[in-house]
């Protein structure tokens, strides 16, 4: 369940966009997202709308990361680090 899903020990205040080369170097631990955040369709405002699929990923250095893919623009972001 989502409530039991681990959370990163360091959460970034502002998620950092990942460059395509950074995304290619990541190893997603599952092809399915661990969770999804989706704004209500009737409240969609491009400035605040959040439609995200979160994944656990390993960096090329072996660091476990929490990343999400913005479902509106297909951009990946780094949102946190695990110990």
PDB file of N, CA and C in Angstrom:
ATOM      1  N   UNK A   1       0.828  -1.187   0.000  1.00  0.00           N
ATOM      2  CA  UNK A   1       0.000   0.000   0.000  1.00  0.00           C
ATOM      3  C   UNK A   1       0.868   1.245   0.000  1.00  0.00           C
ATOM      4  N   UNK A   2       0.292   2.355  -0.408  1.00  0.00           N
ATOM      5  CA  UNK A   2       1.040   3.607  -0.452  1.00  0.00           C
ATOM      6  C   UNK A   2       1.478   4.030   0.936  1.00  0.00           C
ATOM      7  N   UNK A   3       0.635   3.823   1.939  1.00  0.00           N
ATOM      8  CA  UNK A   3       0.994   4.208   3.308  1.00  0.00           C
ATOM      9  C   UNK A   3       2.247   3.484   3.777  1.00  0.00           C
ATOM     10  N   UNK A   4       2.469   2.272   3.292  1.00  0.00           N
ATOM     11  CA  UNK A   4       3.640   1.489   3.675  1.00  0.00           C
ATOM     12  C   UNK A   4       4.824   1.718   2.741  1.00  0.00           C
ATOM     13  N   UNK A   5       4.643   2.480   1.709  1.00  0.00           N
ATOM     14  CA  UNK A   5       5.702   2.738   0.744  1.00  0.00           C
ATOM     15  C   UNK A   5       6.802   3.587   1.388  1.00  0.00           C
ATOM     16  N   UNK A   6       8.062   3.183   1.231  1.00  0.00           N
ATOM     17  CA  UNK A   6       9.147   3.959   1.842  1.00  0.00           C
ATOM     18  C   UNK A   6       9.222   5.379   1.283  1.00  0.00           C
ATOM     19  N   UNK A   7       9.679   6.287   2.119  1.00  0.00           N
ATOM     20  CA  UNK A   7       9.860   7.680   1.719  1.00  0.00           C
ATOM     21  C   UNK A   7      11.339   8.035   1.823  1.00  0.00           C
ATOM     22  N   UNK A   8      11.824   8.902   0.965  1.00  0.00           N
ATOM     23  CA  UNK A   8      13.241   9.266   1.007  1.00  0.00           C
ATOM     24  C   UNK A   8      13.596   9.989   2.308  1.00  0.00           C
ATOM     25  N   UNK A   9      14.846   9.797   2.743  1.00  0.00           N
ATOM     26  CA  UNK A   9      15.312  10.489   3.946  1.00  0.00           C
ATOM     27  C   UNK A   9      15.609  11.952   3.648  1.00  0.00           C
ATOM     28  N   UNK A  10      15.916  12.262   2.401  1.00  0.00           N
ATOM     29  CA  UNK A  10      16.132  13.654   1.985  1.00  0.00           C
ATOM     30  C   UNK A  10      15.172  13.962   0.847  1.00  0.00           C
ATOM     31  N   UNK A  11      14.207  14.815   1.115  1.00  0.00           N
ATOM     32  CA  UNK A  11      13.223  15.220   0.110  1.00  0.00           C
ATOM     33  C   UNK A  11      13.569  16.625  -0.355  1.00  0.00           C
ATOM     34  N   UNK A  12      13.699  16.817  -1.650  1.00  0.00           N
ATOM     35  CA  UNK A  12      14.015  18.137  -2.195  1.00  0.00           C
ATOM     36  C   UNK A  12      12.792  19.046  -2.121  1.00  0.00           C
ATOM     37  N   UNK A  13      12.995  20.292  -1.685  1.00  0.00           N
ATOM     38  CA  UNK A  13      11.895  21.266  -1.644  1.00  0.00           C
ATOM     39  C   UNK A  13      11.355  21.533  -3.042  1.00  0.00           C
ATOM     40  N   UNK A  14      12.265  21.646  -3.986  1.00  0.00           N
ATOM     41  CA  UNK A  14      11.905  21.881  -5.387  1.00  0.00           C
ATOM     42  C   UNK A  14      12.479  20.749  -6.216  1.00  0.00           C
ATOM     43  N   UNK A  15      11.637  19.851  -6.718  1.00  0.00           N
ATOM     44  CA  UNK A  15      12.147  18.755  -7.550  1.00  0.00           C
ATOM     45  C   UNK A  15      12.997  19.294  -8.696  1.00  0.00           C
ATOM     46  N   UNK A  16      14.108  18.568  -8.965  1.00  0.00           N
ATOM     47  CA  UNK A  16      15.055  19.004  -9.998  1.00  0.00           C
ATOM     48  C   UNK A  16      14.791  18.265 -11.304  1.00  0.00           C
ATOM     49  N   UNK A  17      14.566  19.028 -12.393  1.00  0.00           N
ATOM     50  CA  UNK A  17      14.387  18.368 -13.697  1.00  0.00           C
ATOM     51  C   UNK A  17      15.644  17.578 -14.065  1.00  0.00           C
ATOM     52  N   UNK A  18      15.460  16.411 -14.618  1.00  0.00           N
ATOM     53  CA  UNK A  18      16.580  15.582 -15.058  1.00  0.00           C
ATOM     54  C   UNK A  18      16.781  15.718 -16.554  1.00  0.00           C
ATOM     55  N   UNK A  19      18.031  15.824 -16.941  1.00  0.00           N
ATOM     56  CA  UNK A  19      18.382  15.866 -18.364  1.00  0.00           C
ATOM     57  C   UNK A  19      18.197  14.467 -18.948  1.00  0.00           C
ATOM     58  N   UNK A  20      17.996  14.384 -20.249  1.00  0.00           N
ATOM     59  CA  UNK A  20      17.740  13.079 -20.877  1.00  0.00           C
ATOM     60  C   UNK A  20      18.884  12.102 -20.628  1.00  0.00           C
ATOM     61  N   UNK A  21      20.135  12.576 -20.601  1.00  0.00           N
ATOM     62  CA  UNK A  21      21.275  11.683 -20.340  1.00  0.00           C
ATOM     63  C   UNK A  21      21.226  11.141 -18.915  1.00  0.00           C
ATOM     64  N   UNK A  22      20.724  11.952 -17.972  1.00  0.00           N
ATOM     65  CA  UNK A  22      20.582  11.493 -16.592  1.00  0.00           C
ATOM     66  C   UNK A  22      19.497  10.418 -16.494  1.00  0.00           C
ATOM     67  N   UNK A  23      18.386  10.632 -17.188  1.00  0.00           N
ATOM     68  CA  UNK A  23      17.293   9.659 -17.182  1.00  0.00           C
ATOM     69  C   UNK A  23      17.774   8.341 -17.784  1.00  0.00           C
ATOM     70  N   UNK A  24      18.544   8.404 -18.853  1.00  0.00           N
ATOM     71  CA  UNK A  24      19.037   7.186 -19.507  1.00  0.00           C
ATOM     72  C   UNK A  24      19.981   6.402 -18.610  1.00  0.00           C
ATOM     73  N   UNK A  25      20.677   7.099 -17.697  1.00  0.00           N
ATOM     74  CA  UNK A  25      21.615   6.410 -16.813  1.00  0.00           C
ATOM     75  C   UNK A  25      20.925   5.798 -15.595  1.00  0.00           C
ATOM     76  N   UNK A  26      19.655   6.136 -15.364  1.00  0.00           N
ATOM     77  CA  UNK A  26      18.914   5.591 -14.226  1.00  0.00           C
ATOM     78  C   UNK A  26      18.450   4.172 -14.506  1.00  0.00           C
ATOM     79  N   UNK A  27      18.364   3.387 -13.438  1.00  0.00           N
ATOM     80  CA  UNK A  27      17.753   2.062 -13.536  1.00  0.00           C
ATOM     81  C   UNK A  27      16.488   2.110 -12.693  1.00  0.00           C
ATOM     82  N   UNK A  28      15.313   2.182 -13.365  1.00  0.00           N
ATOM     83  CA  UNK A  28      14.048   2.144 -12.641  1.00  0.00           C
ATOM     84  C   UNK A  28      13.866   0.740 -12.074  1.00  0.00           C
ATOM     85  N   UNK A  29      13.479   0.652 -10.808  1.00  0.00           N
ATOM     86  CA  UNK A  29      13.351  -0.648 -10.160  1.00  0.00           C
ATOM     87  C   UNK A  29      12.075  -1.376 -10.546  1.00  0.00           C
ATOM     88  N   UNK A  30      11.167  -0.686 -11.224  1.00  0.00           N
ATOM     89  CA  UNK A  30       9.944  -1.297 -11.733  1.00  0.00           C
ATOM     90  C   UNK A  30       9.481  -0.500 -12.948  1.00  0.00           C
ATOM     91  N   UNK A  31       8.871  -1.176 -13.881  1.00  0.00           N
ATOM     92  CA  UNK A  31       8.320  -0.460 -15.035  1.00  0.00           C
ATOM     93  C   UNK A  31       6.980   0.182 -14.682  1.00  0.00           C
ATOM     94  N   UNK A  32       6.433  -0.201 -13.515  1.00  0.00           N
ATOM     95  CA  UNK A  32       5.182   0.391 -13.041  1.00  0.00           C
ATOM     96  C   UNK A  32       5.488   1.385 -11.935  1.00  0.00           C
ATOM     97  N   UNK A  33       4.773   2.504 -11.889  1.00  0.00           N
ATOM     98  CA  UNK A  33       5.033   3.477 -10.822  1.00  0.00           C
ATOM     99  C   UNK A  33       4.664   2.911  -9.456  1.00  0.00           C
ATOM    100  N   UNK A  34       5.398   3.386  -8.428  1.00  0.00           N
ATOM    101  CA  UNK A  34       5.084   2.967  -7.060  1.00  0.00           C
ATOM    102  C   UNK A  34       3.860   3.704  -6.542  1.00  0.00           C
ATOM    103  N   UNK A  35       3.621   4.895  -7.086  1.00  0.00           N
ATOM    104  CA  UNK A  35       2.395   5.633  -6.766  1.00  0.00           C
ATOM    105  C   UNK A  35       2.155   6.707  -7.811  1.00  0.00           C
ATOM    106  N   UNK A  36       0.929   7.212  -7.794  1.00  0.00           N
ATOM    107  CA  UNK A  36       0.521   8.244  -8.754  1.00  0.00           C
ATOM    108  C   UNK A  36      -0.175   9.364  -7.993  1.00  0.00           C
ATOM    109  N   UNK A  37       0.180  10.585  -8.351  1.00  0.00           N
ATOM    110  CA  UNK A  37      -0.510  11.768  -7.834  1.00  0.00           C
ATOM    111  C   UNK A  37      -1.191  12.408  -9.030  1.00  0.00           C
ATOM    112  N   UNK A  38      -2.478  12.652  -8.897  1.00  0.00           N
ATOM    113  CA  UNK A  38      -3.231  13.201 -10.022  1.00  0.00           C
ATOM    114  C   UNK A  38      -4.192  14.271  -9.531  1.00  0.00           C
ATOM    115  N   UNK A  39      -4.132  15.446 -10.159  1.00  0.00           N
ATOM    116  CA  UNK A  39      -5.031  16.549  -9.816  1.00  0.00           C
ATOM    117  C   UNK A  39      -6.435  16.235 -10.319  1.00  0.00           C
ATOM    118  N   UNK A  40      -7.410  16.800  -9.646  1.00  0.00           N
ATOM    119  CA  UNK A  40      -8.783  16.622 -10.082  1.00  0.00           C
ATOM    120  C   UNK A  40      -8.965  17.295 -11.441  1.00  0.00           C
ATOM    121  N   UNK A  41      -9.676  16.645 -12.348  1.00  0.00           N
ATOM    122  CA  UNK A  41      -9.815  17.175 -13.707  1.00  0.00           C
ATOM    123  C   UNK A  41     -10.480  18.540 -13.720  1.00  0.00           C
ATOM    124  N   UNK A  42     -11.358  18.826 -12.782  1.00  0.00           N
ATOM    125  CA  UNK A  42     -12.077  20.096 -12.794  1.00  0.00           C
ATOM    126  C   UNK A  42     -11.250  21.237 -12.203  1.00  0.00           C
ATOM    127  N   UNK A  43     -10.101  20.921 -11.601  1.00  0.00           N
ATOM    128  CA  UNK A  43      -9.252  21.958 -11.003  1.00  0.00           C
ATOM    129  C   UNK A  43      -7.951  22.137 -11.776  1.00  0.00           C
ATOM    130  N   UNK A  44      -7.857  21.585 -12.932  1.00  0.00           N
ATOM    131  CA  UNK A  44      -6.586  21.602 -13.665  1.00  0.00           C
ATOM    132  C   UNK A  44      -6.213  23.006 -14.086  1.00  0.00           C
ATOM    133  N   UNK A  45      -5.106  23.440 -13.551  1.00  0.00           N
ATOM    134  CA  UNK A  45      -4.489  24.721 -13.876  1.00  0.00           C
ATOM    135  C   UNK A  45      -3.029  24.393 -14.163  1.00  0.00           C
ATOM    136  N   UNK A  46      -2.538  24.725 -15.344  1.00  0.00           N
ATOM    137  CA  UNK A  46      -1.187  24.342 -15.743  1.00  0.00           C
ATOM    138  C   UNK A  46      -0.125  24.800 -14.749  1.00  0.00           C
ATOM    139  N   UNK A  47      -0.364  25.873 -14.020  1.00  0.00           N
ATOM    140  CA  UNK A  47       0.632  26.386 -13.084  1.00  0.00           C
ATOM    141  C   UNK A  47       0.741  25.523 -11.830  1.00  0.00           C
ATOM    142  N   UNK A  48      -0.344  24.900 -11.425  1.00  0.00           N
ATOM    143  CA  UNK A  48      -0.313  24.131 -10.184  1.00  0.00           C
ATOM    144  C   UNK A  48      -0.725  22.673 -10.370  1.00  0.00           C
ATOM    145  N   UNK A  49      -1.063  22.283 -11.553  1.00  0.00           N
ATOM    146  CA  UNK A  49      -1.548  20.934 -11.816  1.00  0.00           C
ATOM    147  C   UNK A  49      -0.422  19.920 -11.592  1.00  0.00           C
ATOM    148  N   UNK A  50      -0.717  18.867 -10.841  1.00  0.00           N
ATOM    149  CA  UNK A  50       0.255  17.820 -10.587  1.00  0.00           C
ATOM    150  C   UNK A  50      -0.318  16.482 -11.022  1.00  0.00           C
ATOM    151  N   UNK A  51       0.315  15.915 -12.003  1.00  0.00           N
ATOM    152  CA  UNK A  51      -0.018  14.585 -12.489  1.00  0.00           C
ATOM    153  C   UNK A  51       1.302  13.844 -12.597  1.00  0.00           C
ATOM    154  N   UNK A  52       1.634  13.096 -11.532  1.00  0.00           N
ATOM    155  CA  UNK A  52       2.959  12.498 -11.424  1.00  0.00           C
ATOM    156  C   UNK A  52       2.886  10.998 -11.199  1.00  0.00           C
ATOM    157  N   UNK A  53       3.817  10.292 -11.830  1.00  0.00           N
ATOM    158  CA  UNK A  53       4.053   8.885 -11.554  1.00  0.00           C
ATOM    159  C   UNK A  53       5.409   8.791 -10.875  1.00  0.00           C
ATOM    160  N   UNK A  54       5.441   8.249  -9.648  1.00  0.00           N
ATOM    161  CA  UNK A  54       6.680   8.121  -8.873  1.00  0.00           C
ATOM    162  C   UNK A  54       7.296   6.746  -9.058  1.00  0.00           C
ATOM    163  N   UNK A  55       8.637   6.730  -9.092  1.00  0.00           N
ATOM    164  CA  UNK A  55       9.409   5.504  -9.261  1.00  0.00           C
ATOM    165  C   UNK A  55      10.575   5.490  -8.284  1.00  0.00           C
ATOM    166  N   UNK A  56      10.979   4.276  -7.889  1.00  0.00           N
ATOM    167  CA  UNK A  56      12.242   4.076  -7.204  1.00  0.00           C
ATOM    168  C   UNK A  56      13.263   3.800  -8.301  1.00  0.00           C
ATOM    169  N   UNK A  57      14.434   4.437  -8.191  1.00  0.00           N
ATOM    170  CA  UNK A  57      15.450   4.271  -9.226  1.00  0.00           C
ATOM    171  C   UNK A  57      16.833   4.207  -8.588  1.00  0.00           C
ATOM    172  N   UNK A  58      17.755   3.587  -9.297  1.00  0.00           N
ATOM    173  CA  UNK A  58      19.157   3.579  -8.889  1.00  0.00           C
ATOM    174  C   UNK A  58      19.936   4.467  -9.838  1.00  0.00           C
ATOM    175  N   UNK A  59      20.787   5.317  -9.249  1.00  0.00           N
ATOM    176  CA  UNK A  59      21.668   6.149 -10.064  1.00  0.00           C
ATOM    177  C   UNK A  59      22.802   5.272 -10.590  1.00  0.00           C
ATOM    178  N   UNK A  60      23.613   5.804 -11.488  1.00  0.00           N
ATOM    179  CA  UNK A  60      24.750   5.046 -12.020  1.00  0.00           C
ATOM    180  C   UNK A  60      25.772   4.754 -10.922  1.00  0.00           C
ATOM    181  N   UNK A  61      25.723   5.525  -9.797  1.00  0.00           N
ATOM    182  CA  UNK A  61      26.618   5.305  -8.655  1.00  0.00           C
ATOM    183  C   UNK A  61      26.016   4.338  -7.632  1.00  0.00           C
ATOM    184  N   UNK A  62      24.775   3.870  -7.865  1.00  0.00           N
ATOM    185  CA  UNK A  62      24.130   2.937  -6.958  1.00  0.00           C
ATOM    186  C   UNK A  62      23.297   3.583  -5.868  1.00  0.00           C
ATOM    187  N   UNK A  63      23.127   4.907  -5.912  1.00  0.00           N
ATOM    188  CA  UNK A  63      22.294   5.628  -4.941  1.00  0.00           C
ATOM    189  C   UNK A  63      20.826   5.407  -5.270  1.00  0.00           C
ATOM    190  N   UNK A  64      20.022   5.063  -4.250  1.00  0.00           N
ATOM    191  CA  UNK A  64      18.588   4.900  -4.479  1.00  0.00           C
ATOM    192  C   UNK A  64      17.925   6.266  -4.472  1.00  0.00           C
ATOM    193  N   UNK A  65      17.123   6.532  -5.498  1.00  0.00           N
ATOM    194  CA  UNK A  65      16.493   7.829  -5.707  1.00  0.00           C
ATOM    195  C   UNK A  65      14.981   7.688  -5.778  1.00  0.00           C
ATOM    196  N   UNK A  66      14.308   8.785  -5.521  1.00  0.00           N
ATOM    197  CA  UNK A  66      12.861   8.872  -5.707  1.00  0.00           C
ATOM    198  C   UNK A  66      12.651   9.866  -6.837  1.00  0.00           C
ATOM    199  N   UNK A  67      12.161   9.397  -7.964  1.00  0.00           N
ATOM    200  CA  UNK A  67      11.969  10.247  -9.142  1.00  0.00           C
ATOM    201  C   UNK A  67      10.509  10.173  -9.569  1.00  0.00           C
ATOM    202  N   UNK A  68      10.082  11.193 -10.288  1.00  0.00           N
ATOM    203  CA  UNK A  68       8.741  11.121 -10.853  1.00  0.00           C
ATOM    204  C   UNK A  68       8.771  11.600 -12.292  1.00  0.00           C
ATOM    205  N   UNK A  69       7.782  11.120 -13.035  1.00  0.00           N
ATOM    206  CA  UNK A  69       7.574  11.549 -14.406  1.00  0.00           C
ATOM    207  C   UNK A  69       6.305  12.385 -14.423  1.00  0.00           C
ATOM    208  N   UNK A  70       6.432  13.617 -14.881  1.00  0.00           N
ATOM    209  CA  UNK A  70       5.273  14.492 -15.041  1.00  0.00           C
ATOM    210  C   UNK A  70       4.471  13.951 -16.216  1.00  0.00           C
ATOM    211  N   UNK A  71       3.245  13.552 -15.962  1.00  0.00           N
ATOM    212  CA  UNK A  71       2.432  12.917 -16.997  1.00  0.00           C
ATOM    213  C   UNK A  71       1.914  13.907 -18.028  1.00  0.00           C
ATOM    214  N   UNK A  72       2.030  15.208 -17.745  1.00  0.00           N
ATOM    215  CA  UNK A  72       1.562  16.203 -18.709  1.00  0.00           C
ATOM    216  C   UNK A  72       2.633  16.559 -19.736  1.00  0.00           C
ATOM    217  N   UNK A  73       3.909  16.595 -19.286  1.00  0.00           N
ATOM    218  CA  UNK A  73       4.965  16.979 -20.231  1.00  0.00           C
ATOM    219  C   UNK A  73       6.032  15.902 -20.426  1.00  0.00           C
ATOM    220  N   UNK A  74       5.871  14.737 -19.777  1.00  0.00           N
ATOM    221  CA  UNK A  74       6.782  13.586 -19.876  1.00  0.00           C
ATOM    222  C   UNK A  74       8.185  13.861 -19.348  1.00  0.00           C
ATOM    223  N   UNK A  75       8.375  14.930 -18.590  1.00  0.00           N
ATOM    224  CA  UNK A  75       9.667  15.274 -17.999  1.00  0.00           C
ATOM    225  C   UNK A  75       9.870  14.479 -16.712  1.00  0.00           C
ATOM    226  N   UNK A  76      11.095  13.957 -16.521  1.00  0.00           N
ATOM    227  CA  UNK A  76      11.444  13.287 -15.270  1.00  0.00           C
ATOM    228  C   UNK A  76      12.093  14.290 -14.323  1.00  0.00           C
ATOM    229  N   UNK A  77      11.836  14.102 -13.013  1.00  0.00           N
ATOM    230  CA  UNK A  77      12.380  14.974 -11.973  1.00  0.00           C
ATOM    231  C   UNK A  77      12.931  14.123 -10.836  1.00  0.00           C
ATOM    232  N   UNK A  78      13.992  14.599 -10.214  1.00  0.00           N
ATOM    233  CA  UNK A  78      14.504  14.014  -8.994  1.00  0.00           C
ATOM    234  C   UNK A  78      13.804  14.683  -7.835  1.00  0.00           C
ATOM    235  N   UNK A  79      13.204  13.881  -6.937  1.00  0.00           N
ATOM    236  CA  UNK A  79      12.474  14.455  -5.811  1.00  0.00           C
ATOM    237  C   UNK A  79      13.066  14.092  -4.462  1.00  0.00           C
ATOM    238  N   UNK A  80      13.909  13.047  -4.397  1.00  0.00           N
ATOM    239  CA  UNK A  80      14.499  12.703  -3.116  1.00  0.00           C
ATOM    240  C   UNK A  80      15.557  11.617  -3.202  1.00  0.00           C
ATOM    241  N   UNK A  81      16.286  11.479  -2.062  1.00  0.00           N
ATOM    242  CA  UNK A  81      17.365  10.498  -1.915  1.00  0.00           C
ATOM    243  C   UNK A  81      17.067   9.605  -0.721  1.00  0.00           C
ATOM    244  N   UNK A  82      17.405   8.324  -0.841  1.00  0.00           N
ATOM    245  CA  UNK A  82      17.280   7.390   0.261  1.00  0.00           C
ATOM    246  C   UNK A  82      18.666   7.143   0.860  1.00  0.00           C
ATOM    247  N   UNK A  83      18.692   6.867   2.173  1.00  0.00           N
ATOM    248  CA  UNK A  83      19.951   6.520   2.846  1.00  0.00           C
ATOM    249  C   UNK A  83      20.388   5.140   2.427  1.00  0.00           C
TER     250      UNK A  83
END
